[in-house]
Amino acid sequence: MKVKITGWVHAIPPQSWEDKDAPVKWCFFSMKVSADGAYIPVSEAAFEVDVPDSWNVVAAQVEALEKQKRDALDAYHNKVSEINDRLAKLQAICNEVTP
């Protein structure tokens, strides 16, 4: 299936910390971003993309949500591990035996 994409091409000028001869980078947004120095609108553009007929938006959304869930569980487990470590250290201080 052919999908027409329309939007704006933007230039990303070299940053102050980059080599002065660094090339301009290019990006595409679906909207015109105001020129703030980071992104400079250059021109409107449109192009067509071939999307496979088998592509399924629901499957893509489910995959993204599953990743969010895994990331949230990882963050939760890391935080619980940090808390348990702090608890263990505090409990060890309280249970020190004096000679």
C-alpha atoms as a PDB file:
ATOM      1  CA  MET A   1       0.000   0.000   0.000  1.00  0.00           C
ATOM      2  CA  LYS A   2       1.362   3.446  -0.896  1.00  0.00           C
ATOM      3  CA  VAL A   3       1.172   6.150   1.763  1.00  0.00           C
ATOM      4  CA  LYS A   4       1.804   9.816   1.019  1.00  0.00           C
ATOM      5  CA  ILE A   5       3.788  11.651   3.690  1.00  0.00           C
ATOM      6  CA  THR A   6       3.800  15.446   3.788  1.00  0.00           C
ATOM      7  CA  GLY A   7       5.766  17.737   6.032  1.00  0.00           C
ATOM      8  CA  TRP A   8       8.818  19.943   6.296  1.00  0.00           C
ATOM      9  CA  VAL A   9      12.520  19.383   5.747  1.00  0.00           C
ATOM     10  CA  HIS A  10      14.641  21.065   8.423  1.00  0.00           C
ATOM     11  CA  ALA A  11      18.359  21.782   8.604  1.00  0.00           C
ATOM     12  CA  ILE A  12      20.267  21.145  11.812  1.00  0.00           C
ATOM     13  CA  PRO A  13      23.346  23.388  11.746  1.00  0.00           C
ATOM     14  CA  PRO A  14      26.585  22.251  13.398  1.00  0.00           C
ATOM     15  CA  GLN A  15      26.619  22.903  17.126  1.00  0.00           C
ATOM     16  CA  SER A  16      29.241  25.049  18.830  1.00  0.00           C
ATOM     17  CA  TRP A  17      31.071  22.010  20.252  1.00  0.00           C
ATOM     18  CA  GLU A  18      31.296  20.295  16.862  1.00  0.00           C
ATOM     19  CA  ASP A  19      34.050  20.762  14.323  1.00  0.00           C
ATOM     20  CA  LYS A  20      33.481  24.035  12.455  1.00  0.00           C
ATOM     21  CA  ASP A  21      33.495  22.077   9.183  1.00  0.00           C
ATOM     22  CA  ALA A  22      30.892  19.564  10.401  1.00  0.00           C
ATOM     23  CA  PRO A  23      28.197  19.006   7.784  1.00  0.00           C
ATOM     24  CA  VAL A  24      24.648  20.270   8.129  1.00  0.00           C
ATOM     25  CA  LYS A  25      22.314  17.475   9.241  1.00  0.00           C
ATOM     26  CA  TRP A  26      18.821  17.084   7.837  1.00  0.00           C
ATOM     27  CA  CYS A  27      15.553  15.901   9.358  1.00  0.00           C
ATOM     28  CA  PHE A  28      11.886  15.691   8.462  1.00  0.00           C
ATOM     29  CA  PHE A  29       8.937  16.668  10.656  1.00  0.00           C
ATOM     30  CA  SER A  30       5.244  16.467   9.849  1.00  0.00           C
ATOM     31  CA  MET A  31       4.985  20.161  10.777  1.00  0.00           C
ATOM     32  CA  LYS A  32       7.023  23.315  10.354  1.00  0.00           C
ATOM     33  CA  VAL A  33       9.101  23.908  13.462  1.00  0.00           C
ATOM     34  CA  SER A  34       9.811  27.527  14.348  1.00  0.00           C
ATOM     35  CA  ALA A  35      13.422  28.481  13.658  1.00  0.00           C
ATOM     36  CA  ASP A  36      15.072  28.427  17.066  1.00  0.00           C
ATOM     37  CA  GLY A  37      18.622  27.790  15.933  1.00  0.00           C
ATOM     38  CA  ALA A  38      18.424  24.053  16.558  1.00  0.00           C
ATOM     39  CA  TYR A  39      16.101  23.333  13.627  1.00  0.00           C
ATOM     40  CA  ILE A  40      15.754  25.630  10.628  1.00  0.00           C
ATOM     41  CA  PRO A  41      12.806  25.031   8.266  1.00  0.00           C
ATOM     42  CA  VAL A  42      13.968  24.678   4.670  1.00  0.00           C
ATOM     43  CA  SER A  43      10.991  23.629   2.549  1.00  0.00           C
ATOM     44  CA  GLU A  44       7.813  21.643   2.408  1.00  0.00           C
ATOM     45  CA  ALA A  45       8.170  18.147   1.034  1.00  0.00           C
ATOM     46  CA  ALA A  46       6.045  15.154   0.143  1.00  0.00           C
ATOM     47  CA  PHE A  47       6.991  11.605  -0.679  1.00  0.00           C
ATOM     48  CA  GLU A  48       5.413   8.177  -0.943  1.00  0.00           C
ATOM     49  CA  VAL A  49       6.294   5.169   1.138  1.00  0.00           C
ATOM     50  CA  ASP A  50       5.475   1.542   0.417  1.00  0.00           C
ATOM     51  CA  VAL A  51       3.905   0.076   3.549  1.00  0.00           C
ATOM     52  CA  PRO A  52       3.570  -3.711   3.456  1.00  0.00           C
ATOM     53  CA  ASP A  53      -0.041  -4.846   3.179  1.00  0.00           C
ATOM     54  CA  SER A  54       0.632  -7.202   6.083  1.00  0.00           C
ATOM     55  CA  TRP A  55       1.503  -4.308   8.431  1.00  0.00           C
ATOM     56  CA  ASN A  56      -0.985  -4.130  11.299  1.00  0.00           C
ATOM     57  CA  VAL A  57      -1.357  -1.001  13.425  1.00  0.00           C
ATOM     58  CA  VAL A  58      -2.872  -2.941  16.341  1.00  0.00           C
ATOM     59  CA  ALA A  59       0.056  -5.381  16.428  1.00  0.00           C
ATOM     60  CA  ALA A  60       2.484  -2.445  16.407  1.00  0.00           C
ATOM     61  CA  GLN A  61       0.628  -0.788  19.296  1.00  0.00           C
ATOM     62  CA  VAL A  62       0.603  -4.043  21.288  1.00  0.00           C
ATOM     63  CA  GLU A  63       4.348  -4.461  20.720  1.00  0.00           C
ATOM     64  CA  ALA A  64       4.998  -0.881  21.901  1.00  0.00           C
ATOM     65  CA  LEU A  65       2.854  -1.377  25.016  1.00  0.00           C
ATOM     66  CA  GLU A  66       4.591  -4.669  25.816  1.00  0.00           C
ATOM     67  CA  LYS A  67       7.937  -2.850  25.641  1.00  0.00           C
ATOM     68  CA  GLN A  68       6.625  -0.088  27.926  1.00  0.00           C
ATOM     69  CA  LYS A  69       5.469  -2.762  30.362  1.00  0.00           C
ATOM     70  CA  ARG A  70       8.872  -4.494  30.337  1.00  0.00           C
ATOM     71  CA  ASP A  71      10.642  -1.159  30.847  1.00  0.00           C
ATOM     72  CA  ALA A  72       8.310  -0.257  33.742  1.00  0.00           C
ATOM     73  CA  LEU A  73       8.893  -3.647  35.388  1.00  0.00           C
ATOM     74  CA  ASP A  74      12.658  -3.289  34.978  1.00  0.00           C
ATOM     75  CA  ALA A  75      12.557   0.178  36.557  1.00  0.00           C
ATOM     76  CA  TYR A  76      10.368  -1.152  39.394  1.00  0.00           C
ATOM     77  CA  HIS A  77      12.701  -4.075  40.108  1.00  0.00           C
ATOM     78  CA  ASN A  78      15.762  -1.802  40.036  1.00  0.00           C
ATOM     79  CA  LYS A  79      14.140   0.619  42.500  1.00  0.00           C
ATOM     80  CA  VAL A  80      13.057  -2.183  44.845  1.00  0.00           C
ATOM     81  CA  SER A  81      16.594  -3.576  44.715  1.00  0.00           C
ATOM     82  CA  GLU A  82      18.010  -0.146  45.657  1.00  0.00           C
ATOM     83  CA  ILE A  83      15.563   0.146  48.566  1.00  0.00           C
ATOM     84  CA  ASN A  84      16.361  -3.370  49.786  1.00  0.00           C
ATOM     85  CA  ASP A  85      20.090  -2.573  49.629  1.00  0.00           C
ATOM     86  CA  ARG A  86      19.599   0.595  51.698  1.00  0.00           C
ATOM     87  CA  LEU A  87      17.434  -1.304  54.194  1.00  0.00           C
ATOM     88  CA  ALA A  88      20.071  -4.014  54.559  1.00  0.00           C
ATOM     89  CA  LYS A  89      22.806  -1.439  55.179  1.00  0.00           C
ATOM     90  CA  LEU A  90      20.700   0.403  57.773  1.00  0.00           C
ATOM     91  CA  GLN A  91      19.781  -2.844  59.520  1.00  0.00           C
ATOM     92  CA  ALA A  92      23.447  -3.888  59.569  1.00  0.00           C
ATOM     93  CA  ILE A  93      24.363  -0.601  61.260  1.00  0.00           C
ATOM     94  CA  CYS A  94      21.678  -1.121  63.901  1.00  0.00           C
ATOM     95  CA  ASN A  95      22.784  -4.703  64.571  1.00  0.00           C
ATOM     96  CA  GLU A  96      26.501  -4.039  64.944  1.00  0.00           C
ATOM     97  CA  VAL A  97      28.012  -5.820  67.907  1.00  0.00           C
ATOM     98  CA  THR A  98      30.347  -3.790  70.087  1.00  0.00           C
ATOM     99  CA  PRO A  99      33.297  -5.637  71.669  1.00  0.00           C
END
